[in-house]
PDB file of N, CA and C in Angstrom:
ATOM      1  N   LEU A   1     -26.323 -37.272  -3.400  1.00  0.00           N
ATOM      2  CA  LEU A   1     -25.797 -36.723  -2.125  1.00  0.00           C
ATOM      3  C   LEU A   1     -26.877 -36.295  -1.217  1.00  0.00           C
ATOM      4  N   ASN A   2     -27.981 -36.256  -1.692  1.00  0.00           N
ATOM      5  CA  ASN A   2     -29.122 -35.811  -0.721  1.00  0.00           C
ATOM      6  C   ASN A   2     -28.970 -34.573   0.012  1.00  0.00           C
ATOM      7  N   ILE A   3     -28.539 -33.485  -0.967  1.00  0.00           N
ATOM      8  CA  ILE A   3     -28.138 -32.247  -0.358  1.00  0.00           C
ATOM      9  C   ILE A   3     -29.490 -31.342  -0.832  1.00  0.00           C
ATOM     10  N   THR A   4     -29.918 -30.586   0.083  1.00  0.00           N
ATOM     11  CA  THR A   4     -30.830 -29.510  -0.075  1.00  0.00           C
ATOM     12  C   THR A   4     -30.286 -28.013   0.056  1.00  0.00           C
ATOM     13  N   LEU A   5     -30.338 -27.234  -1.037  1.00  0.00           N
ATOM     14  CA  LEU A   5     -29.699 -25.922  -1.025  1.00  0.00           C
ATOM     15  C   LEU A   5     -30.888 -24.868  -0.579  1.00  0.00           C
ATOM     16  N   HIS A   6     -30.461 -23.976   0.197  1.00  0.00           N
ATOM     17  CA  HIS A   6     -31.316 -23.040   0.758  1.00  0.00           C
ATOM     18  C   HIS A   6     -30.663 -21.741   0.512  1.00  0.00           C
ATOM     19  N   TYR A   7     -31.381 -20.554  -0.038  1.00  0.00           N
ATOM     20  CA  TYR A   7     -31.137 -19.313  -0.318  1.00  0.00           C
ATOM     21  C   TYR A   7     -30.675 -18.586   0.927  1.00  0.00           C
ATOM     22  N   LEU A   8     -29.526 -17.970   1.024  1.00  0.00           N
ATOM     23  CA  LEU A   8     -29.052 -17.040   1.885  1.00  0.00           C
ATOM     24  C   LEU A   8     -28.766 -15.759   1.600  1.00  0.00           C
ATOM     25  N   PRO A   9     -29.019 -14.717   2.146  1.00  0.00           N
ATOM     26  CA  PRO A   9     -28.633 -13.304   1.592  1.00  0.00           C
ATOM     27  C   PRO A   9     -27.275 -13.315   1.272  1.00  0.00           C
ATOM     28  N   PRO A  10     -26.911 -12.280   0.508  1.00  0.00           N
ATOM     29  CA  PRO A  10     -25.394 -12.271   0.426  1.00  0.00           C
ATOM     30  C   PRO A  10     -24.492 -12.064   1.647  1.00  0.00           C
ATOM     31  N   TYR A  11     -24.955 -11.250   2.540  1.00  0.00           N
ATOM     32  CA  TYR A  11     -24.277 -11.067   3.692  1.00  0.00           C
ATOM     33  C   TYR A  11     -25.172 -11.196   4.898  1.00  0.00           C
ATOM     34  N   SER A  12     -24.983 -12.274   5.603  1.00  0.00           N
ATOM     35  CA  SER A  12     -25.912 -12.554   6.809  1.00  0.00           C
ATOM     36  C   SER A  12     -25.193 -13.254   7.898  1.00  0.00           C
ATOM     37  N   PRO A  13     -24.324 -12.509   8.657  1.00  0.00           N
ATOM     38  CA  PRO A  13     -23.556 -12.690   9.569  1.00  0.00           C
ATOM     39  C   PRO A  13     -24.392 -13.633  10.944  1.00  0.00           C
ATOM     40  N   ASN A  14     -25.572 -13.226  10.832  1.00  0.00           N
ATOM     41  CA  ASN A  14     -26.305 -14.045  12.142  1.00  0.00           C
ATOM     42  C   ASN A  14     -26.517 -15.331  11.719  1.00  0.00           C
ATOM     43  N   LEU A  15     -26.348 -15.813  10.344  1.00  0.00           N
ATOM     44  CA  LEU A  15     -26.626 -17.136   9.952  1.00  0.00           C
ATOM     45  C   LEU A  15     -25.185 -17.987   9.682  1.00  0.00           C
ATOM     46  N   ASN A  16     -24.048 -17.113  10.035  1.00  0.00           N
ATOM     47  CA  ASN A  16     -22.829 -17.853   9.652  1.00  0.00           C
ATOM     48  C   ASN A  16     -22.094 -18.091  11.154  1.00  0.00           C
ATOM     49  N   PRO A  17     -21.842 -19.379  11.259  1.00  0.00           N
ATOM     50  CA  PRO A  17     -21.382 -19.918  12.579  1.00  0.00           C
ATOM     51  C   PRO A  17     -20.112 -19.195  12.924  1.00  0.00           C
ATOM     52  N   ILE A  18     -19.173 -18.952  11.947  1.00  0.00           N
ATOM     53  CA  ILE A  18     -17.842 -18.421  12.342  1.00  0.00           C
ATOM     54  C   ILE A  18     -18.058 -16.865  12.757  1.00  0.00           C
ATOM     55  N   GLU A  19     -19.099 -16.216  12.215  1.00  0.00           N
ATOM     56  CA  GLU A  19     -19.379 -14.857  12.692  1.00  0.00           C
ATOM     57  C   GLU A  19     -19.832 -14.908  14.118  1.00  0.00           C
ATOM     58  N   ARG A  20     -20.425 -15.834  14.638  1.00  0.00           N
ATOM     59  CA  ARG A  20     -20.802 -16.068  16.096  1.00  0.00           C
ATOM     60  C   ARG A  20     -19.577 -16.211  16.854  1.00  0.00           C
ATOM     61  N   LEU A  21     -18.613 -17.049  16.235  1.00  0.00           N
ATOM     62  CA  LEU A  21     -17.392 -17.207  17.022  1.00  0.00           C
ATOM     63  C   LEU A  21     -16.596 -15.965  17.187  1.00  0.00           C
ATOM     64  N   TRP A  22     -16.502 -15.187  16.142  1.00  0.00           N
ATOM     65  CA  TRP A  22     -15.805 -13.904  16.160  1.00  0.00           C
ATOM     66  C   TRP A  22     -16.457 -13.041  17.270  1.00  0.00           C
ATOM     67  N   LYS A  23     -17.846 -13.050  17.368  1.00  0.00           N
ATOM     68  CA  LYS A  23     -18.377 -12.228  18.493  1.00  0.00           C
ATOM     69  C   LYS A  23     -18.125 -12.660  19.803  1.00  0.00           C
ATOM     70  N   VAL A  24     -17.826 -13.817  19.956  1.00  0.00           N
ATOM     71  CA  VAL A  24     -17.508 -14.369  21.374  1.00  0.00           C
ATOM     72  C   VAL A  24     -16.005 -14.128  21.549  1.00  0.00           C
ATOM     73  N   MET A  25     -15.244 -14.049  20.585  1.00  0.00           N
ATOM     74  CA  MET A  25     -13.744 -13.870  20.628  1.00  0.00           C
ATOM     75  C   MET A  25     -13.730 -12.264  20.899  1.00  0.00           C
ATOM     76  N   ASN A  26     -14.395 -11.653  20.262  1.00  0.00           N
ATOM     77  CA  ASN A  26     -14.369 -10.129  20.498  1.00  0.00           C
ATOM     78  C   ASN A  26     -14.828  -9.819  21.843  1.00  0.00           C
ATOM     79  N   LYS A  27     -15.674 -10.492  22.266  1.00  0.00           N
ATOM     80  CA  LYS A  27     -16.101 -10.173  23.812  1.00  0.00           C
ATOM     81  C   LYS A  27     -15.072 -10.445  24.904  1.00  0.00           C
ATOM     82  N   HIS A  28     -14.448 -11.619  24.605  1.00  0.00           N
ATOM     83  CA  HIS A  28     -13.432 -12.394  25.644  1.00  0.00           C
ATOM     84  C   HIS A  28     -12.229 -11.750  25.407  1.00  0.00           C
ATOM     85  N   ALA A  29     -11.518 -11.395  24.281  1.00  0.00           N
ATOM     86  CA  ALA A  29     -10.266 -11.164  23.916  1.00  0.00           C
ATOM     87  C   ALA A  29     -10.196  -9.396  23.995  1.00  0.00           C
ATOM     88  N   ARG A  30     -11.001  -8.890  23.302  1.00  0.00           N
ATOM     89  CA  ARG A  30     -10.890  -7.472  23.050  1.00  0.00           C
ATOM     90  C   ARG A  30     -11.663  -6.700  24.193  1.00  0.00           C
ATOM     91  N   ASN A  31     -13.012  -6.715  24.179  1.00  0.00           N
ATOM     92  CA  ASN A  31     -13.944  -6.222  25.120  1.00  0.00           C
ATOM     93  C   ASN A  31     -13.523  -4.708  25.293  1.00  0.00           C
ATOM     94  N   GLY A  32     -13.370  -3.914  24.043  1.00  0.00           N
ATOM     95  CA  GLY A  32     -13.371  -2.793  24.163  1.00  0.00           C
ATOM     96  C   GLY A  32     -12.091  -2.098  24.398  1.00  0.00           C
ATOM     97  N   GLN A  33     -11.033  -3.051  24.533  1.00  0.00           N
ATOM     98  CA  GLN A  33      -9.769  -2.701  24.903  1.00  0.00           C
ATOM     99  C   GLN A  33      -8.715  -2.351  23.803  1.00  0.00           C
ATOM    100  N   TYR A  34      -7.992  -1.468  24.108  1.00  0.00           N
ATOM    101  CA  TYR A  34      -7.054  -0.682  23.156  1.00  0.00           C
ATOM    102  C   TYR A  34      -5.654  -1.427  23.192  1.00  0.00           C
ATOM    103  N   PHE A  35      -5.106  -1.931  22.184  1.00  0.00           N
ATOM    104  CA  PHE A  35      -3.786  -2.532  22.058  1.00  0.00           C
ATOM    105  C   PHE A  35      -2.851  -1.474  21.396  1.00  0.00           C
ATOM    106  N   ALA A  36      -1.556  -1.238  22.200  1.00  0.00           N
ATOM    107  CA  ALA A  36      -0.755  -0.350  21.835  1.00  0.00           C
ATOM    108  C   ALA A  36       0.011  -0.822  20.544  1.00  0.00           C
ATOM    109  N   THR A  37       0.173  -2.141  20.536  1.00  0.00           N
ATOM    110  CA  THR A  37       1.297  -2.813  19.618  1.00  0.00           C
ATOM    111  C   THR A  37       0.278  -4.007  18.976  1.00  0.00           C
ATOM    112  N   THR A  38       0.807  -4.442  17.801  1.00  0.00           N
ATOM    113  CA  THR A  38       0.304  -5.631  17.158  1.00  0.00           C
ATOM    114  C   THR A  38       0.581  -6.826  18.029  1.00  0.00           C
ATOM    115  N   LYS A  39       1.899  -6.850  18.558  1.00  0.00           N
ATOM    116  CA  LYS A  39       2.248  -8.013  19.328  1.00  0.00           C
ATOM    117  C   LYS A  39       1.361  -8.227  20.469  1.00  0.00           C
ATOM    118  N   GLU A  40       0.890  -7.140  21.231  1.00  0.00           N
ATOM    119  CA  GLU A  40      -0.013  -7.355  22.313  1.00  0.00           C
ATOM    120  C   GLU A  40      -1.400  -7.737  21.766  1.00  0.00           C
ATOM    121  N   PHE A  41      -1.935  -7.240  20.624  1.00  0.00           N
ATOM    122  CA  PHE A  41      -3.147  -7.622  20.092  1.00  0.00           C
ATOM    123  C   PHE A  41      -3.017  -9.264  19.786  1.00  0.00           C
ATOM    124  N   ARG A  42      -2.115  -9.755  19.022  1.00  0.00           N
ATOM    125  CA  ARG A  42      -1.742 -11.108  18.603  1.00  0.00           C
ATOM    126  C   ARG A  42      -1.614 -11.904  19.841  1.00  0.00           C
ATOM    127  N   ARG A  43      -1.095 -11.573  20.951  1.00  0.00           N
ATOM    128  CA  ARG A  43      -0.778 -12.333  22.190  1.00  0.00           C
ATOM    129  C   ARG A  43      -2.440 -12.530  22.745  1.00  0.00           C
ATOM    130  N   LYS A  44      -3.206 -11.544  22.829  1.00  0.00           N
ATOM    131  CA  LYS A  44      -4.399 -11.578  23.438  1.00  0.00           C
ATOM    132  C   LYS A  44      -5.432 -12.582  22.541  1.00  0.00           C
ATOM    133  N   ILE A  45      -5.275 -12.482  21.273  1.00  0.00           N
ATOM    134  CA  ILE A  45      -6.084 -13.562  20.408  1.00  0.00           C
ATOM    135  C   ILE A  45      -5.628 -14.716  20.418  1.00  0.00           C
ATOM    136  N   THR A  46      -4.145 -14.941  20.584  1.00  0.00           N
ATOM    137  CA  THR A  46      -3.702 -16.348  20.736  1.00  0.00           C
ATOM    138  C   THR A  46      -4.086 -17.000  21.998  1.00  0.00           C
ATOM    139  N   ASP A  47      -4.109 -16.246  23.064  1.00  0.00           N
ATOM    140  CA  ASP A  47      -4.501 -16.622  24.402  1.00  0.00           C
ATOM    141  C   ASP A  47      -6.123 -17.032  24.401  1.00  0.00           C
ATOM    142  N   PHE A  48      -6.951 -16.315  23.580  1.00  0.00           N
ATOM    143  CA  PHE A  48      -8.135 -16.640  23.436  1.00  0.00           C
ATOM    144  C   PHE A  48      -8.378 -17.965  22.994  1.00  0.00           C
ATOM    145  N   PHE A  49      -7.716 -18.321  21.796  1.00  0.00           N
ATOM    146  CA  PHE A  49      -7.850 -19.582  21.233  1.00  0.00           C
ATOM    147  C   PHE A  49      -7.125 -20.755  21.943  1.00  0.00           C
ATOM    148  N   SER A  50      -5.919 -20.524  22.877  1.00  0.00           N
ATOM    149  CA  SER A  50      -5.480 -21.650  23.405  1.00  0.00           C
ATOM    150  C   SER A  50      -5.953 -21.766  24.828  1.00  0.00           C
ATOM    151  N   ILE A  51      -6.202 -20.716  25.339  1.00  0.00           N
ATOM    152  CA  ILE A  51      -6.640 -20.797  26.854  1.00  0.00           C
ATOM    153  C   ILE A  51      -8.068 -20.571  27.178  1.00  0.00           C
ATOM    154  N   THR A  52      -8.588 -19.501  26.637  1.00  0.00           N
ATOM    155  CA  THR A  52     -10.109 -19.146  26.980  1.00  0.00           C
ATOM    156  C   THR A  52     -11.028 -20.126  26.238  1.00  0.00           C
ATOM    157  N   LEU A  53     -10.856 -20.218  25.050  1.00  0.00           N
ATOM    158  CA  LEU A  53     -11.631 -20.946  24.148  1.00  0.00           C
ATOM    159  C   LEU A  53     -11.845 -22.441  24.666  1.00  0.00           C
ATOM    160  N   PRO A  54     -10.842 -23.227  25.125  1.00  0.00           N
ATOM    161  CA  PRO A  54     -11.123 -24.500  25.773  1.00  0.00           C
ATOM    162  C   PRO A  54     -11.925 -24.533  27.060  1.00  0.00           C
ATOM    163  N   ASP A  55     -11.805 -23.379  27.796  1.00  0.00           N
ATOM    164  CA  ASP A  55     -12.357 -23.455  28.925  1.00  0.00           C
ATOM    165  C   ASP A  55     -13.912 -23.106  28.870  1.00  0.00           C
ATOM    166  N   ILE A  56     -14.344 -22.255  27.688  1.00  0.00           N
ATOM    167  CA  ILE A  56     -15.602 -22.102  27.586  1.00  0.00           C
ATOM    168  C   ILE A  56     -16.435 -22.774  26.432  1.00  0.00           C
ATOM    169  N   ALA A  57     -15.632 -23.694  25.863  1.00  0.00           N
ATOM    170  CA  ALA A  57     -15.945 -24.380  24.464  1.00  0.00           C
ATOM    171  C   ALA A  57     -17.524 -25.274  24.939  1.00  0.00           C
ATOM    172  N   ASP A  58     -17.786 -25.678  26.145  1.00  0.00           N
ATOM    173  CA  ASP A  58     -18.995 -26.333  26.492  1.00  0.00           C
ATOM    174  C   ASP A  58     -20.037 -25.375  26.572  1.00  0.00           C
ATOM    175  N   THR A  59     -19.928 -24.024  26.710  1.00  0.00           N
ATOM    176  CA  THR A  59     -20.914 -23.004  26.887  1.00  0.00           C
ATOM    177  C   THR A  59     -21.459 -22.550  25.529  1.00  0.00           C
ATOM    178  N   LEU A  60     -20.563 -22.741  24.339  1.00  0.00           N
ATOM    179  CA  LEU A  60     -20.846 -22.232  22.830  1.00  0.00           C
ATOM    180  C   LEU A  60     -21.876 -22.890  22.212  1.00  0.00           C
ATOM    181  N   GLY A  61     -22.584 -23.952  22.632  1.00  0.00           N
ATOM    182  CA  GLY A  61     -23.458 -24.528  21.901  1.00  0.00           C
ATOM    183  C   GLY A  61     -24.956 -23.620  21.809  1.00  0.00           C
ATOM    184  N   ASP A  62     -25.088 -22.882  22.646  1.00  0.00           N
ATOM    185  CA  ASP A  62     -26.095 -21.908  22.594  1.00  0.00           C
ATOM    186  C   ASP A  62     -25.869 -20.774  21.607  1.00  0.00           C
ATOM    187  N   THR A  63     -24.530 -20.508  21.507  1.00  0.00           N
ATOM    188  CA  THR A  63     -24.112 -19.181  20.624  1.00  0.00           C
ATOM    189  C   THR A  63     -24.024 -19.729  19.194  1.00  0.00           C
ATOM    190  N   ILE A  64     -23.083 -20.681  19.115  1.00  0.00           N
ATOM    191  CA  ILE A  64     -22.588 -21.098  17.861  1.00  0.00           C
ATOM    192  C   ILE A  64     -23.253 -22.366  17.364  1.00  0.00           C
ATOM    193  N   ASN A  65     -24.266 -22.112  16.661  1.00  0.00           N
ATOM    194  CA  ASN A  65     -25.182 -23.509  16.138  1.00  0.00           C
ATOM    195  C   ASN A  65     -25.583 -23.211  14.762  1.00  0.00           C
ATOM    196  N   ASP A  66     -26.148 -24.002  14.122  1.00  0.00           N
ATOM    197  CA  ASP A  66     -26.728 -23.941  12.779  1.00  0.00           C
ATOM    198  C   ASP A  66     -28.217 -23.734  12.756  1.00  0.00           C
ATOM    199  N   ASN A  67     -28.840 -23.643  13.769  1.00  0.00           N
ATOM    200  CA  ASN A  67     -30.302 -23.535  13.839  1.00  0.00           C
ATOM    201  C   ASN A  67     -30.772 -22.130  13.415  1.00  0.00           C
ATOM    202  N   PHE A  68     -31.367 -22.156  12.428  1.00  0.00           N
ATOM    203  CA  PHE A  68     -32.001 -20.883  11.945  1.00  0.00           C
ATOM    204  C   PHE A  68     -33.406 -21.271  11.162  1.00  0.00           C
ATOM    205  N   GLN A  69     -34.143 -20.130  11.148  1.00  0.00           N
ATOM    206  CA  GLN A  69     -35.588 -20.314  10.602  1.00  0.00           C
ATOM    207  C   GLN A  69     -35.480 -20.151   9.116  1.00  0.00           C
ATOM    208  N   LYS A  70     -36.060 -21.101   8.373  1.00  0.00           N
ATOM    209  CA  LYS A  70     -36.073 -20.983   6.935  1.00  0.00           C
ATOM    210  C   LYS A  70     -37.510 -20.176   6.662  1.00  0.00           C
ATOM    211  N   LEU A  71     -37.231 -19.170   5.706  1.00  0.00           N
ATOM    212  CA  LEU A  71     -38.310 -18.346   5.294  1.00  0.00           C
ATOM    213  C   LEU A  71     -38.895 -18.671   3.829  1.00  0.00           C
ATOM    214  N   LYS A  72     -39.972 -18.561   3.551  1.00  0.00           N
ATOM    215  CA  LYS A  72     -40.430 -18.826   2.296  1.00  0.00           C
ATOM    216  C   LYS A  72     -40.196 -17.515   1.559  1.00  0.00           C
ATOM    217  N   PRO A  73     -39.634 -17.672   0.113  1.00  0.00           N
ATOM    218  CA  PRO A  73     -39.285 -16.495  -0.613  1.00  0.00           C
ATOM    219  C   PRO A  73     -40.708 -15.638  -0.880  1.00  0.00           C
ATOM    220  N   ALA A  74     -40.399 -14.322  -0.871  1.00  0.00           N
ATOM    221  CA  ALA A  74     -41.553 -13.408  -1.082  1.00  0.00           C
ATOM    222  C   ALA A  74     -42.117 -13.571  -2.598  1.00  0.00           C
ATOM    223  N   VAL A  75     -43.311 -13.338  -2.842  1.00  0.00           N
ATOM    224  CA  VAL A  75     -43.909 -13.631  -4.205  1.00  0.00           C
ATOM    225  C   VAL A  75     -44.245 -12.318  -4.850  1.00  0.00           C
TER     226      VAL A  75
END
């Protein structure tokens, strides 16, 4: 299969592309905003994925990628 395994720390959000997407979503959908109801919150998140995300998808390459620096294990 030609697969090379790399050690990742147990919790490393900076290396997980989905965490980067959540950060973008948080910035665009929530942005410190308080939602009085779950319905409002869901609508805002749904709007992000159906309206905002398609509009900004071309700009996400710099934010959501799998480029990271491999470090040698400490001896």
